[in-house]
Protein backbone atom coordinates (compact mmCIF):
# COMPACT_ATOMS: atom_id res chain seq x y z
CA MET A 1 6.68 -9.80 -14.72
CA ILE A 2 8.15 -7.99 -17.57
CA ASP A 3 11.09 -7.35 -19.17
CA VAL A 4 11.61 -3.39 -17.64
CA PRO A 5 13.42 -1.96 -20.97
CA ARG A 6 17.47 -0.45 -20.16
CA LYS A 7 17.44 2.82 -19.15
CA THR A 8 14.38 2.97 -16.87
CA LEU A 9 13.35 5.79 -14.69
CA LEU A 10 10.71 4.54 -12.69
CA ILE A 11 9.25 6.13 -10.39
CA SER A 12 7.60 5.11 -6.84
CA PRO A 13 5.84 6.98 -4.12
CA HIS A 14 7.43 5.50 -0.68
CA LEU A 15 10.34 3.37 -0.04
CA ASP A 16 9.44 -0.03 -1.06
CA ASP A 17 6.50 0.28 -3.47
CA ALA A 18 9.32 -0.08 -6.52
CA VAL A 19 10.23 -3.32 -5.21
CA LEU A 20 6.40 -4.63 -4.04
CA GLY A 21 5.46 -3.85 -7.09
CA CYS A 22 8.06 -4.41 -9.74
CA GLY A 23 10.67 -6.31 -7.75
CA ALA A 24 10.38 -9.53 -9.99
CA SER A 25 10.88 -7.54 -13.51
CA LEU A 26 13.06 -5.30 -11.89
CA ALA A 27 15.61 -8.32 -10.87
CA GLY A 28 16.37 -9.11 -14.67
CA ALA A 29 16.61 -5.02 -15.40
CA SER A 30 19.95 -3.20 -16.22
CA ASN A 31 20.78 0.44 -15.74
CA VAL A 32 17.58 1.15 -14.24
CA LEU A 33 17.21 4.25 -12.00
CA VAL A 34 14.25 4.16 -8.79
CA CYS A 35 13.20 7.46 -8.46
CA THR A 36 11.67 7.38 -5.01
CA VAL A 37 9.38 10.78 -3.88
CA PHE A 38 8.88 10.71 -0.57
CA THR A 39 12.28 10.25 1.34
CA GLY A 40 11.59 13.49 3.40
CA CYS A 41 13.02 13.82 7.16
CA PRO A 42 10.46 14.70 9.24
CA PRO A 43 11.08 17.35 12.61
CA ALA A 44 12.43 15.74 15.23
CA ASP A 45 9.38 15.61 17.64
CA ALA A 46 7.03 13.97 14.59
CA SER A 47 5.28 10.82 15.41
CA THR A 48 2.78 8.60 14.00
CA ASP A 49 0.61 5.69 14.67
CA TRP A 50 2.32 3.93 11.35
CA ASP A 51 5.88 4.49 12.57
CA ALA A 52 4.45 2.79 15.83
CA GLN A 53 3.12 -0.10 14.64
CA CYS A 54 6.69 -0.53 12.80
CA GLY A 55 8.84 -0.27 15.80
CA PHE A 56 9.78 3.00 15.74
CA SER A 57 10.38 5.88 18.77
CA ASP A 58 10.10 8.66 15.96
CA ALA A 59 10.01 9.84 12.52
CA LYS A 60 13.44 10.45 12.21
CA GLN A 61 14.33 7.00 12.90
CA ALA A 62 11.89 5.92 10.91
CA MET A 63 12.98 7.31 7.89
CA VAL A 64 16.38 6.82 8.56
CA ALA A 65 15.89 3.17 8.75
CA ARG A 66 13.76 3.22 5.80
CA ILE A 67 16.07 4.19 3.43
CA GLU A 68 18.40 1.92 4.55
CA GLU A 69 15.83 -0.66 3.57
CA ASP A 70 15.28 0.35 0.51
CA ASN A 71 19.00 0.68 -0.29
CA ARG A 72 19.41 -3.20 0.66
CA ALA A 73 16.15 -4.01 -1.04
CA LEU A 74 17.04 -1.78 -4.25
CA GLY A 75 21.40 -3.34 -4.23
CA LEU A 76 19.75 -7.09 -4.02
CA LEU A 77 18.20 -6.22 -7.33
CA GLY A 78 20.72 -3.92 -9.26
CA VAL A 79 19.09 -0.97 -9.61
CA THR A 80 19.84 2.57 -8.86
CA PRO A 81 18.05 4.22 -5.99
CA LEU A 82 17.38 8.45 -6.23
CA HIS A 83 16.05 10.06 -3.40
CA LEU A 84 13.53 13.49 -4.17
CA GLY A 85 13.05 14.12 -0.25
CA PHE A 86 9.39 15.17 0.00
CA LEU A 87 7.43 14.78 3.01
CA ASP A 88 5.28 11.98 2.91
CA SER A 89 1.90 12.96 3.71
CA GLN A 90 1.98 11.37 7.55
CA TYR A 91 4.66 13.83 8.11
CA VAL A 92 2.94 16.86 6.82
CA PRO A 93 1.13 17.96 9.87
CA PHE A 94 4.18 18.69 11.52
CA ALA A 95 6.37 20.83 9.30
CA PRO A 96 5.20 24.51 8.01
CA ASP A 97 3.26 24.48 4.72
CA ALA A 98 5.59 25.68 2.63
CA ASP A 99 6.92 21.73 3.03
CA LYS A 100 3.77 20.02 1.80
CA PRO A 101 4.43 19.09 -1.63
CA THR A 102 2.22 19.80 -4.86
CA ARG A 103 1.36 18.31 -7.66
CA ALA A 104 3.35 21.12 -9.70
CA THR A 105 6.34 20.63 -7.40
CA LEU A 106 6.55 16.99 -7.92
CA THR A 107 5.90 17.89 -11.86
CA GLN A 108 9.15 19.68 -11.70
CA ALA A 109 11.22 17.40 -9.77
CA PHE A 110 9.93 14.37 -12.59
CA LEU A 111 10.66 17.03 -15.66
CA ASP A 112 14.11 17.89 -13.81
CA ALA A 113 14.90 13.99 -13.40
CA ILE A 114 14.15 13.16 -16.82
CA ASP A 115 15.94 16.16 -18.24
CA GLN A 116 19.32 15.21 -16.29
CA HIS A 117 19.41 11.23 -16.75
CA ARG A 118 17.44 11.09 -19.91
CA PRO A 119 15.61 8.00 -19.78
CA GLU A 120 14.41 5.46 -22.50
CA THR A 121 11.24 4.59 -20.92
CA LEU A 122 8.96 5.75 -18.22
CA LEU A 123 7.69 3.99 -15.54
CA ILE A 124 5.09 5.11 -12.81
CA PRO A 125 2.69 4.30 -10.31
CA LEU A 126 -1.11 3.94 -11.50
CA GLY A 127 -1.99 5.77 -8.41
CA LEU A 128 -4.28 3.45 -6.50
CA PHE A 129 -5.21 4.25 -3.02
CA HIS A 130 -3.28 6.21 -0.83
CA SER A 131 -3.42 9.94 -1.53
CA ASP A 132 0.50 10.17 -2.32
CA HIS A 133 0.07 7.43 -4.72
CA ALA A 134 -2.51 9.55 -6.17
CA LEU A 135 -0.68 12.64 -6.10
CA VAL A 136 2.67 10.98 -8.27
CA HIS A 137 0.73 9.60 -10.79
CA GLU A 138 -0.94 12.73 -11.71
CA ALA A 139 2.13 14.66 -11.34
CA ALA A 140 4.18 11.90 -13.60
CA CYS A 141 1.14 11.91 -15.54
CA ASP A 142 1.76 15.57 -15.94
CA ALA A 143 5.35 15.37 -16.81
CA TRP A 144 5.36 12.59 -18.82
CA LEU A 145 2.96 14.00 -21.05
CA ARG A 146 5.37 16.68 -21.85
CA HIS A 147 7.36 14.47 -23.11
CA PRO A 148 5.03 12.27 -25.07
CA GLU A 149 7.21 10.57 -27.49
CA LEU A 150 8.60 8.45 -23.81
CA PRO A 151 7.21 5.25 -24.07
CA CYS A 152 5.39 5.26 -20.53
CA ILE A 153 4.45 2.21 -19.12
CA ALA A 154 2.54 1.70 -15.47
CA TYR A 155 2.75 -0.60 -12.71
CA GLU A 156 -0.58 -1.67 -10.50
CA GLU A 157 0.85 -1.10 -6.42
CA ALA A 158 1.06 -4.16 -4.77
CA LEU A 159 -1.27 -4.36 -2.32
CA TYR A 160 -3.61 -2.09 -3.64
CA ARG A 161 -4.91 -2.77 -6.81
CA CYS A 162 -6.94 -5.80 -5.07
CA LYS A 163 -9.31 -3.05 -3.49
CA ARG A 164 -12.83 -3.16 -4.95
CA ALA A 165 -12.74 -0.81 -8.39
CA LEU A 166 -9.94 1.35 -7.51
CA LEU A 167 -8.43 -0.23 -10.81
CA GLN A 168 -11.47 0.23 -12.99
CA GLN A 169 -11.61 4.10 -11.75
CA ARG A 170 -7.89 4.64 -12.39
CA LEU A 171 -8.67 2.97 -15.87
CA ALA A 172 -11.76 5.39 -16.88
CA ASP A 173 -9.96 8.52 -15.16
CA LEU A 174 -6.83 7.97 -17.70
CA MET A 175 -9.47 7.72 -20.46
CA GLU A 176 -11.18 10.63 -19.52
CA ARG A 177 -8.05 12.61 -19.43
CA GLY A 178 -7.25 11.61 -23.18
CA ILE A 179 -4.73 8.69 -21.86
CA ASP A 180 -4.94 4.99 -23.28
CA ALA A 181 -4.05 2.23 -21.11
CA THR A 182 -3.61 -1.47 -22.70
CA PRO A 183 -2.34 -4.37 -20.72
CA LEU A 184 1.35 -4.73 -21.75
CA ASN A 185 1.19 -8.50 -21.85
CA ALA A 186 4.84 -9.84 -22.25
CA ARG A 187 6.33 -12.43 -22.67
CA LEU A 188 7.35 -14.88 -18.95
CA PRO A 189 11.27 -15.85 -19.13
CA GLU A 190 12.13 -19.13 -19.13
CA HIS A 191 10.70 -20.95 -15.93
CA ALA A 192 14.44 -20.80 -14.38
CA GLU A 193 14.54 -17.36 -14.65
CA ALA A 194 11.57 -16.16 -13.67
CA ALA A 195 12.06 -18.48 -10.65
CA ARG A 196 15.14 -16.46 -10.02
CA ARG A 197 13.59 -13.41 -10.21
CA GLU A 198 10.84 -14.50 -8.17
CA ALA A 199 13.78 -15.60 -5.57
CA LEU A 200 15.21 -12.55 -5.96
CA LYS A 201 12.11 -10.30 -5.08
CA ARG A 202 11.58 -12.22 -2.16
CA ASP A 203 14.62 -11.01 -0.90
CA ALA A 204 14.49 -7.68 -1.36
CA VAL A 205 10.95 -7.78 -0.05
CA ASN A 206 12.61 -9.31 2.93
CA ALA A 207 15.10 -6.45 3.07
CA TYR A 208 12.02 -4.49 4.60
CA PRO A 209 11.44 -5.86 8.00
CA SER A 210 9.82 -2.86 9.67
CA GLN A 211 7.29 -2.68 6.84
CA LEU A 212 6.25 -6.15 6.56
CA LYS A 213 6.02 -5.85 10.93
CA ALA A 214 3.46 -3.95 10.58
CA PHE A 215 1.34 -5.35 7.78
CA GLY A 216 1.67 -8.21 9.99
CA PRO A 217 2.31 -12.07 8.67
CA ASN A 218 -0.70 -12.06 5.72
CA GLY A 219 -0.77 -8.64 5.60
CA TYR A 220 1.36 -8.45 1.90
CA ASP A 221 0.44 -12.04 0.50
CA ASP A 222 -0.61 -9.77 -2.75
CA VAL A 223 3.05 -8.69 -2.94
CA PHE A 224 4.10 -12.00 -4.20
CA LEU A 225 1.07 -12.58 -7.17
CA PRO A 226 2.28 -11.34 -10.60
CA GLU A 227 3.04 -8.54 -11.51
CA ARG A 228 0.60 -6.48 -13.79
CA PHE A 229 1.40 -3.76 -16.36
CA TRP A 230 -0.13 -1.15 -18.70
CA THR A 231 1.33 1.00 -21.59
CA LEU A 232 0.08 4.42 -21.76
CA GLU A 233 -0.25 6.43 -24.79
CA PRO A 234 -1.89 9.64 -25.54
CA ALA A 235 -5.50 9.36 -27.06
CA GLU A 236 -4.59 11.39 -29.76
CA GLN A 237 -2.00 9.36 -31.04
CA ARG A 238 -4.66 6.44 -31.52
CA ALA A 239 -4.67 5.00 -35.25
């Protein structure tokens, strides 16, 4: 858990990643904009196994419900949503090739958000395991490196961070790219404040009943373990 700086732009791949990975930290924040990438609605006839596990008959029904859940969860934490409208990778096969998000299109969307909202800090995912997460991470780094004066923090995505060697591989990739990643060991809030934030996170997580249904009763235990963050800096700025 960290104190998220005021006027932070947080980039979230899907409609739950910000809360699952950063919810307790967000509960103590103010003036934070959560920019969620994959919020687009696919064709009406699209249907996936994941949506069925979540209890939906088609993708359109799923996305409408997920956006409602996300708005409710972010509202509990007091942060503001921004939806970019790109298609989740599971829906791309149902859409024209022109609708497939690319690293370049996401980078431009993040640059536009930075230019429009003028954040004082950027909070991005490490891009672990999921292809959507990896794509968002790469594009977010591209956009940030165009604004190297902007402080950048990376968060470990809950559920994926515990998979073997994924975190180590990402840190190695960052170093190869010329980006230093340093653990952000922030001072923890007082016990009562920490408990308040953790309770708010639990309420926000419970605002995603469709996702929790698909995870299963013990499939999201990692969400409630301590949140972890990394400070990113261009290697050439190293003293």
